[in-house]
C-alpha atoms as a PDB file:
ATOM      1  CA  MET A   1      -1.319  25.307  25.260  1.00  0.00           C
ATOM      2  CA  ARG A   2      -0.841  25.298  21.496  1.00  0.00           C
ATOM      3  CA  PRO A   3      -1.240  22.364  19.110  1.00  0.00           C
ATOM      4  CA  VAL A   4       1.837  20.734  17.649  1.00  0.00           C
ATOM      5  CA  ASN A   5       1.783  19.110  14.220  1.00  0.00           C
ATOM      6  CA  VAL A   6       3.317  15.655  14.273  1.00  0.00           C
ATOM      7  CA  SER A   7       4.064  13.301  11.422  1.00  0.00           C
ATOM      8  CA  ALA A   8       5.136   9.704  11.992  1.00  0.00           C
ATOM      9  CA  GLU A   9       5.650   6.449  10.152  1.00  0.00           C
ATOM     10  CA  LEU A  10       4.895   3.044  11.602  1.00  0.00           C
ATOM     11  CA  ASP A  11       6.498  -0.210  10.559  1.00  0.00           C
ATOM     12  CA  VAL A  12       4.300  -3.228  11.270  1.00  0.00           C
ATOM     13  CA  ASP A  13       5.551  -6.818  11.391  1.00  0.00           C
ATOM     14  CA  PHE A  14       2.837  -8.396   9.239  1.00  0.00           C
ATOM     15  CA  SER A  15       3.900 -11.940  10.153  1.00  0.00           C
ATOM     16  CA  ARG A  16       3.003 -11.184  13.793  1.00  0.00           C
ATOM     17  CA  GLU A  17       0.125  -8.808  13.145  1.00  0.00           C
ATOM     18  CA  LYS A  18      -1.858 -11.256  10.991  1.00  0.00           C
ATOM     19  CA  LEU A  19      -1.849 -13.892  13.736  1.00  0.00           C
ATOM     20  CA  ALA A  20      -2.919 -11.348  16.365  1.00  0.00           C
ATOM     21  CA  VAL A  21      -5.757 -10.121  14.133  1.00  0.00           C
ATOM     22  CA  PHE A  22      -6.829 -13.696  13.442  1.00  0.00           C
ATOM     23  CA  GLN A  23      -6.814 -14.660  17.144  1.00  0.00           C
ATOM     24  CA  THR A  24      -8.737 -11.528  18.106  1.00  0.00           C
ATOM     25  CA  ALA A  25     -11.409 -12.104  15.455  1.00  0.00           C
ATOM     26  CA  TRP A  26     -11.759 -15.813  16.241  1.00  0.00           C
ATOM     27  CA  SER A  27     -12.044 -15.135  20.007  1.00  0.00           C
ATOM     28  CA  TYR A  28     -14.495 -12.294  19.519  1.00  0.00           C
ATOM     29  CA  LEU A  29     -16.810 -14.506  17.469  1.00  0.00           C
ATOM     30  CA  ARG A  30     -16.438 -17.384  19.946  1.00  0.00           C
ATOM     31  CA  ASP A  31     -17.446 -15.086  22.798  1.00  0.00           C
ATOM     32  CA  ASN A  32     -20.114 -12.962  21.077  1.00  0.00           C
ATOM     33  CA  PHE A  33     -21.754 -14.949  18.269  1.00  0.00           C
ATOM     34  CA  PHE A  34     -25.511 -14.942  18.847  1.00  0.00           C
ATOM     35  CA  ASP A  35     -25.743 -18.758  18.686  1.00  0.00           C
ATOM     36  CA  ALA A  36     -23.699 -20.461  21.421  1.00  0.00           C
ATOM     37  CA  GLY A  37     -23.697 -23.611  19.266  1.00  0.00           C
ATOM     38  CA  MET A  38     -21.951 -21.648  16.482  1.00  0.00           C
ATOM     39  CA  HIS A  39     -24.585 -22.847  13.974  1.00  0.00           C
ATOM     40  CA  GLY A  40     -23.369 -26.396  14.464  1.00  0.00           C
ATOM     41  CA  THR A  41     -19.768 -25.763  13.445  1.00  0.00           C
ATOM     42  CA  ASN A  42     -16.786 -27.032  15.406  1.00  0.00           C
ATOM     43  CA  TRP A  43     -15.381 -23.546  16.002  1.00  0.00           C
ATOM     44  CA  GLY A  44     -12.272 -24.877  17.753  1.00  0.00           C
ATOM     45  CA  ALA A  45     -11.390 -27.115  14.814  1.00  0.00           C
ATOM     46  CA  LEU A  46     -11.943 -24.232  12.398  1.00  0.00           C
ATOM     47  CA  ARG A  47      -9.469 -22.167  14.419  1.00  0.00           C
ATOM     48  CA  GLU A  48      -6.787 -24.803  13.895  1.00  0.00           C
ATOM     49  CA  THR A  49      -7.561 -25.170  10.193  1.00  0.00           C
ATOM     50  CA  TYR A  50      -7.617 -21.467   9.408  1.00  0.00           C
ATOM     51  CA  ALA A  51      -4.773 -20.420  11.750  1.00  0.00           C
ATOM     52  CA  ASP A  52      -2.389 -22.453   9.592  1.00  0.00           C
ATOM     53  CA  ARG A  53      -3.765 -20.895   6.429  1.00  0.00           C
ATOM     54  CA  VAL A  54      -3.668 -17.333   7.790  1.00  0.00           C
ATOM     55  CA  SER A  55      -0.086 -17.819   8.977  1.00  0.00           C
ATOM     56  CA  GLY A  56       0.829 -18.420   5.331  1.00  0.00           C
ATOM     57  CA  ALA A  57      -0.956 -15.291   4.059  1.00  0.00           C
ATOM     58  CA  ARG A  58       1.408 -12.930   2.269  1.00  0.00           C
ATOM     59  CA  THR A  59      -0.773  -9.808   2.205  1.00  0.00           C
ATOM     60  CA  PRO A  60      -3.482  -8.237   4.391  1.00  0.00           C
ATOM     61  CA  ASP A  61      -6.031  -8.814   1.600  1.00  0.00           C
ATOM     62  CA  GLU A  62      -5.132 -12.502   1.467  1.00  0.00           C
ATOM     63  CA  MET A  63      -5.450 -12.725   5.260  1.00  0.00           C
ATOM     64  CA  ARG A  64      -8.909 -11.109   5.146  1.00  0.00           C
ATOM     65  CA  ARG A  65     -10.071 -13.466   2.353  1.00  0.00           C
ATOM     66  CA  LEU A  66      -9.043 -16.481   4.441  1.00  0.00           C
ATOM     67  CA  MET A  67     -10.720 -15.106   7.550  1.00  0.00           C
ATOM     68  CA  ASN A  68     -13.897 -14.479   5.564  1.00  0.00           C
ATOM     69  CA  LEU A  69     -13.841 -18.120   4.459  1.00  0.00           C
ATOM     70  CA  MET A  70     -13.648 -19.159   8.124  1.00  0.00           C
ATOM     71  CA  ILE A  71     -16.430 -16.761   9.121  1.00  0.00           C
ATOM     72  CA  GLY A  72     -18.481 -18.049   6.183  1.00  0.00           C
ATOM     73  CA  GLU A  73     -18.452 -21.494   7.815  1.00  0.00           C
ATOM     74  CA  LEU A  74     -20.892 -20.034  10.377  1.00  0.00           C
ATOM     75  CA  ASN A  75     -23.451 -19.577   7.591  1.00  0.00           C
ATOM     76  CA  ALA A  76     -24.632 -16.271   9.059  1.00  0.00           C
ATOM     77  CA  SER A  77     -25.637 -13.531   6.658  1.00  0.00           C
ATOM     78  CA  HIS A  78     -24.066 -10.083   6.863  1.00  0.00           C
ATOM     79  CA  LEU A  79     -21.038 -11.313   8.786  1.00  0.00           C
ATOM     80  CA  GLY A  80     -17.457 -10.796   7.617  1.00  0.00           C
ATOM     81  CA  ILE A  81     -14.266  -8.841   7.907  1.00  0.00           C
ATOM     82  CA  GLY A  82     -13.306  -5.853   5.779  1.00  0.00           C
ATOM     83  CA  GLY A  83     -10.233  -3.790   5.095  1.00  0.00           C
ATOM     84  CA  PRO A  84      -9.276  -0.484   6.626  1.00  0.00           C
ATOM     85  CA  PRO A  85     -10.944   2.712   5.443  1.00  0.00           C
ATOM     86  CA  ALA A  86      -9.389   4.455   2.465  1.00  0.00           C
ATOM     87  CA  GLN A  87      -6.325   6.419   3.436  1.00  0.00           C
ATOM     88  CA  GLN A  88      -4.354   9.276   1.960  1.00  0.00           C
ATOM     89  CA  PRO A  89      -1.932   7.962  -0.632  1.00  0.00           C
ATOM     90  CA  PHE A  90       1.586   7.486   0.665  1.00  0.00           C
ATOM     91  CA  THR A  91       3.265   7.523  -2.733  1.00  0.00           C
ATOM     92  CA  GLY A  92       4.275  10.968  -3.930  1.00  0.00           C
ATOM     93  CA  LYS A  93       2.972  12.025  -7.318  1.00  0.00           C
ATOM     94  CA  LEU A  94       5.116  13.937  -9.788  1.00  0.00           C
ATOM     95  CA  GLY A  95       2.608  14.820 -12.481  1.00  0.00           C
ATOM     96  CA  LEU A  96       4.687  13.351 -15.291  1.00  0.00           C
ATOM     97  CA  ARG A  97       3.890  10.866 -18.028  1.00  0.00           C
ATOM     98  CA  PHE A  98       6.614   8.795 -19.640  1.00  0.00           C
ATOM     99  CA  ASP A  99       7.283   7.158 -22.996  1.00  0.00           C
ATOM    100  CA  ARG A 100       6.332   3.538 -22.393  1.00  0.00           C
ATOM    101  CA  ALA A 101       8.039   2.187 -25.514  1.00  0.00           C
ATOM    102  CA  GLU A 102      11.368   3.829 -24.635  1.00  0.00           C
ATOM    103  CA  TYR A 103      11.146   2.535 -21.072  1.00  0.00           C
ATOM    104  CA  GLU A 104      10.437  -1.006 -22.257  1.00  0.00           C
ATOM    105  CA  ARG A 105      13.192  -0.813 -24.865  1.00  0.00           C
ATOM    106  CA  ASP A 106      15.936   1.133 -23.027  1.00  0.00           C
ATOM    107  CA  GLY A 107      14.793   1.456 -19.403  1.00  0.00           C
ATOM    108  CA  LYS A 108      14.705   5.281 -19.636  1.00  0.00           C
ATOM    109  CA  LEU A 109      11.895   7.443 -18.288  1.00  0.00           C
ATOM    110  CA  ARG A 110      11.528   9.987 -21.114  1.00  0.00           C
ATOM    111  CA  ILE A 111       8.911  12.616 -20.253  1.00  0.00           C
ATOM    112  CA  THR A 112       6.025  12.832 -22.720  1.00  0.00           C
ATOM    113  CA  GLU A 113       3.753  15.106 -20.656  1.00  0.00           C
ATOM    114  CA  VAL A 114       3.962  17.465 -17.714  1.00  0.00           C
ATOM    115  CA  ILE A 115       0.445  17.486 -16.260  1.00  0.00           C
ATOM    116  CA  THR A 116      -1.022  20.942 -15.710  1.00  0.00           C
ATOM    117  CA  LEU A 117      -0.962  22.120 -12.066  1.00  0.00           C
ATOM    118  CA  SER A 118       1.028  19.054 -10.990  1.00  0.00           C
ATOM    119  CA  PRO A 119       4.087  19.365  -8.706  1.00  0.00           C
ATOM    120  CA  ALA A 120       6.369  19.091 -11.754  1.00  0.00           C
ATOM    121  CA  ALA A 121       4.440  21.813 -13.626  1.00  0.00           C
ATOM    122  CA  LEU A 122       4.384  24.153 -10.637  1.00  0.00           C
ATOM    123  CA  VAL A 123       8.138  23.941 -10.048  1.00  0.00           C
ATOM    124  CA  GLY A 124       8.811  24.652 -13.719  1.00  0.00           C
ATOM    125  CA  GLY A 125      11.820  23.788 -15.813  1.00  0.00           C
ATOM    126  CA  ILE A 126      10.828  20.179 -16.455  1.00  0.00           C
ATOM    127  CA  ALA A 127      10.035  19.716 -20.111  1.00  0.00           C
ATOM    128  CA  VAL A 128       8.680  17.146 -22.513  1.00  0.00           C
ATOM    129  CA  GLY A 129      11.667  15.295 -23.939  1.00  0.00           C
ATOM    130  CA  ASP A 130      13.686  15.411 -20.694  1.00  0.00           C
ATOM    131  CA  ALA A 131      14.558  12.082 -19.114  1.00  0.00           C
ATOM    132  CA  LEU A 132      14.014  11.500 -15.392  1.00  0.00           C
ATOM    133  CA  THR A 133      17.423  10.306 -14.184  1.00  0.00           C
ATOM    134  CA  ALA A 134      17.233  10.446 -10.362  1.00  0.00           C
ATOM    135  CA  VAL A 135      14.954  10.935  -7.363  1.00  0.00           C
ATOM    136  CA  ASP A 136      16.570  12.383  -4.238  1.00  0.00           C
ATOM    137  CA  GLY A 137      19.993  11.538  -5.631  1.00  0.00           C
ATOM    138  CA  LYS A 138      19.143   7.893  -6.359  1.00  0.00           C
ATOM    139  CA  PRO A 139      19.776   7.069 -10.026  1.00  0.00           C
ATOM    140  CA  ILE A 140      16.993   5.584 -12.123  1.00  0.00           C
ATOM    141  CA  ASP A 141      17.602   2.670 -14.463  1.00  0.00           C
ATOM    142  CA  ALA A 142      15.581  -0.161 -15.988  1.00  0.00           C
ATOM    143  CA  HIS A 143      15.390  -1.973 -12.631  1.00  0.00           C
ATOM    144  CA  THR A 144      14.275   1.002 -10.529  1.00  0.00           C
ATOM    145  CA  ASN A 145      10.824   0.963  -8.962  1.00  0.00           C
ATOM    146  CA  LEU A 146       9.779   4.624  -9.147  1.00  0.00           C
ATOM    147  CA  ASP A 147       6.905   4.056  -6.704  1.00  0.00           C
ATOM    148  CA  GLU A 148       9.387   2.799  -4.094  1.00  0.00           C
ATOM    149  CA  LEU A 149      11.512   5.918  -4.533  1.00  0.00           C
ATOM    150  CA  LEU A 150       8.411   8.077  -4.059  1.00  0.00           C
ATOM    151  CA  ALA A 151       6.962   6.080  -1.144  1.00  0.00           C
ATOM    152  CA  TYR A 152       6.110   8.283   1.845  1.00  0.00           C
ATOM    153  CA  ARG A 153       7.107  11.385  -0.111  1.00  0.00           C
ATOM    154  CA  THR A 154       3.628  12.984  -0.097  1.00  0.00           C
ATOM    155  CA  GLY A 155       3.996  16.477   1.321  1.00  0.00           C
ATOM    156  CA  LYS A 156       7.795  16.266   1.487  1.00  0.00           C
ATOM    157  CA  GLN A 157      10.395  17.968  -0.642  1.00  0.00           C
ATOM    158  CA  THR A 158      11.706  15.738  -3.414  1.00  0.00           C
ATOM    159  CA  VAL A 159      14.635  16.451  -5.715  1.00  0.00           C
ATOM    160  CA  LEU A 160      14.281  15.212  -9.284  1.00  0.00           C
ATOM    161  CA  GLY A 161      17.196  14.848 -11.632  1.00  0.00           C
ATOM    162  CA  THR A 162      16.461  15.237 -15.322  1.00  0.00           C
ATOM    163  CA  SER A 163      18.645  15.178 -18.397  1.00  0.00           C
ATOM    164  CA  ASP A 164      20.125  18.609 -17.661  1.00  0.00           C
ATOM    165  CA  HIS A 165      19.032  19.845 -14.232  1.00  0.00           C
ATOM    166  CA  SER A 166      17.936  19.181 -10.675  1.00  0.00           C
ATOM    167  CA  HIS A 167      14.455  20.307  -9.621  1.00  0.00           C
ATOM    168  CA  ARG A 168      13.085  20.654  -6.093  1.00  0.00           C
ATOM    169  CA  LEU A 169       9.395  19.721  -5.790  1.00  0.00           C
END
């Protein structure tokens, strides 16, 4: 038997996930908190109060802040919920710096620096003064979110269009 390298992406429905996480955390504390009286709180009423608030959370960080407020009602030190461990970045990095003033004025990404040993430097041919015009064939303009174009591109081939050429990173 030989190992097989696998790469996958997972789309999560946050609107459903946040309620499942909330219910799991609330139930776990109900069933395992060291004080059966929940330090005098009405744990059932807190579930109703905070379930509505968590359902309106727009980000995982916001959801965790709300859940920590609920957990804080127990007045028990060293108890809370944290985020996931740090992960590898999912946004590809080019190793380019751009002229901020030109971008703000004209919406163009004019290269002011090619960072040494970066993907752009290693591929060669990308020079200060070039303008980044496309990523993987998608044109760049003043309304383009470069991070979105580079999302999940870490470790994958990316084609950059500049003023005069295409470059494969």
